Amino acid sequence: MHTVIIDNIDLSLLKEQKTALYSIRQEVLSPEQFEAVEGILCLIDAIQDYAVDVLGVDKHEVFNLSIK
């Protein structure tokens, strides 16, 4: 079942969306908004880790490795 969920996620797009969220969280957000963005980023991290570690997806497809 997990594989089906991951198979339906465009991992390259998710990578771009994660980068966009990181830039948004640098803006002035209320504490509640900041916490919500942080939570979504943690969820994306977990999805990406699972895709690489369990499903064997290439880490370059999943992660933006140029960001430090």
C-alpha atoms as a PDB file:
ATOM      1  CA  MET A   1       0.000   0.000   0.000  1.00  0.00           C
ATOM      2  CA  HIS A   2       2.785   2.476   0.809  1.00  0.00           C
ATOM      3  CA  THR A   3       4.292   1.972  -2.620  1.00  0.00           C
ATOM      4  CA  VAL A   4       1.008   2.898  -4.276  1.00  0.00           C
ATOM      5  CA  ILE A   5       0.850   6.158  -2.348  1.00  0.00           C
ATOM      6  CA  ILE A   6       4.446   7.071  -3.228  1.00  0.00           C
ATOM      7  CA  ASP A   7       3.924   6.011  -6.858  1.00  0.00           C
ATOM      8  CA  ASN A   8       1.163   8.615  -7.114  1.00  0.00           C
ATOM      9  CA  ILE A   9       3.418  11.439  -5.905  1.00  0.00           C
ATOM     10  CA  ASP A  10       5.433  13.429  -8.410  1.00  0.00           C
ATOM     11  CA  LEU A  11       8.679  13.417  -6.416  1.00  0.00           C
ATOM     12  CA  SER A  12      10.356  16.020  -8.617  1.00  0.00           C
ATOM     13  CA  LEU A  13       7.426  18.385  -8.112  1.00  0.00           C
ATOM     14  CA  LEU A  14       7.414  17.634  -4.376  1.00  0.00           C
ATOM     15  CA  LYS A  15      11.092  18.601  -4.282  1.00  0.00           C
ATOM     16  CA  GLU A  16      10.259  21.961  -5.918  1.00  0.00           C
ATOM     17  CA  GLN A  17       7.318  22.521  -3.576  1.00  0.00           C
ATOM     18  CA  LYS A  18       9.509  21.833  -0.555  1.00  0.00           C
ATOM     19  CA  THR A  19      12.014  24.422  -1.772  1.00  0.00           C
ATOM     20  CA  ALA A  20       9.186  26.928  -2.182  1.00  0.00           C
ATOM     21  CA  LEU A  21       7.975  26.252   1.368  1.00  0.00           C
ATOM     22  CA  TYR A  22      11.471  26.849   2.731  1.00  0.00           C
ATOM     23  CA  SER A  23      11.489  30.284   1.103  1.00  0.00           C
ATOM     24  CA  ILE A  24       8.011  31.105   2.447  1.00  0.00           C
ATOM     25  CA  ARG A  25       8.942  30.230   5.996  1.00  0.00           C
ATOM     26  CA  GLN A  26      11.641  32.899   5.888  1.00  0.00           C
ATOM     27  CA  GLU A  27       8.909  35.516   5.556  1.00  0.00           C
ATOM     28  CA  VAL A  28       7.140  36.983   8.540  1.00  0.00           C
ATOM     29  CA  LEU A  29       4.606  34.380   9.660  1.00  0.00           C
ATOM     30  CA  SER A  30       2.499  34.125  12.731  1.00  0.00           C
ATOM     31  CA  PRO A  31       3.650  31.435  15.169  1.00  0.00           C
ATOM     32  CA  GLU A  32       0.721  29.243  14.097  1.00  0.00           C
ATOM     33  CA  GLN A  33       1.555  29.630  10.405  1.00  0.00           C
ATOM     34  CA  PHE A  34       5.230  28.931  11.037  1.00  0.00           C
ATOM     35  CA  GLU A  35       4.357  25.785  12.985  1.00  0.00           C
ATOM     36  CA  ALA A  36       2.055  24.608  10.193  1.00  0.00           C
ATOM     37  CA  VAL A  37       4.758  25.102   7.548  1.00  0.00           C
ATOM     38  CA  GLU A  38       7.303  23.304   9.735  1.00  0.00           C
ATOM     39  CA  GLY A  39       4.903  20.384  10.106  1.00  0.00           C
ATOM     40  CA  ILE A  40       4.367  20.116   6.364  1.00  0.00           C
ATOM     41  CA  LEU A  41       8.129  20.235   5.792  1.00  0.00           C
ATOM     42  CA  CYS A  42       8.595  17.376   8.271  1.00  0.00           C
ATOM     43  CA  LEU A  43       5.942  15.369   6.428  1.00  0.00           C
ATOM     44  CA  ILE A  44       7.695  15.986   3.108  1.00  0.00           C
ATOM     45  CA  ASP A  45      11.010  14.921   4.683  1.00  0.00           C
ATOM     46  CA  ALA A  46       9.441  11.662   5.858  1.00  0.00           C
ATOM     47  CA  ILE A  47       7.974  10.955   2.407  1.00  0.00           C
ATOM     48  CA  GLN A  48      11.305  11.681   0.737  1.00  0.00           C
ATOM     49  CA  ASP A  49      13.254   9.541   3.207  1.00  0.00           C
ATOM     50  CA  TYR A  50      10.859   6.636   2.661  1.00  0.00           C
ATOM     51  CA  ALA A  51      11.109   6.948  -1.114  1.00  0.00           C
ATOM     52  CA  VAL A  52      14.910   6.794  -0.997  1.00  0.00           C
ATOM     53  CA  ASP A  53      15.538   4.435   1.938  1.00  0.00           C
ATOM     54  CA  VAL A  54      12.728   1.910   1.429  1.00  0.00           C
ATOM     55  CA  LEU A  55      11.715   2.164  -2.213  1.00  0.00           C
ATOM     56  CA  GLY A  56      15.194   2.811  -3.601  1.00  0.00           C
ATOM     57  CA  VAL A  57      14.335   5.967  -5.544  1.00  0.00           C
ATOM     58  CA  ASP A  58      17.434   7.886  -6.663  1.00  0.00           C
ATOM     59  CA  LYS A  59      18.233  10.543  -4.052  1.00  0.00           C
ATOM     60  CA  HIS A  60      18.931  13.107  -6.793  1.00  0.00           C
ATOM     61  CA  GLU A  61      15.345  12.759  -8.010  1.00  0.00           C
ATOM     62  CA  VAL A  62      13.958  13.181  -4.505  1.00  0.00           C
ATOM     63  CA  PHE A  63      16.188  15.745  -2.805  1.00  0.00           C
ATOM     64  CA  ASN A  64      17.506  19.119  -3.925  1.00  0.00           C
ATOM     65  CA  LEU A  65      21.093  18.325  -3.010  1.00  0.00           C
ATOM     66  CA  SER A  66      22.386  21.744  -4.034  1.00  0.00           C
ATOM     67  CA  ILE A  67      20.674  23.401  -1.026  1.00  0.00           C
ATOM     68  CA  LYS A  68      22.849  23.545   2.066  1.00  0.00           C
END
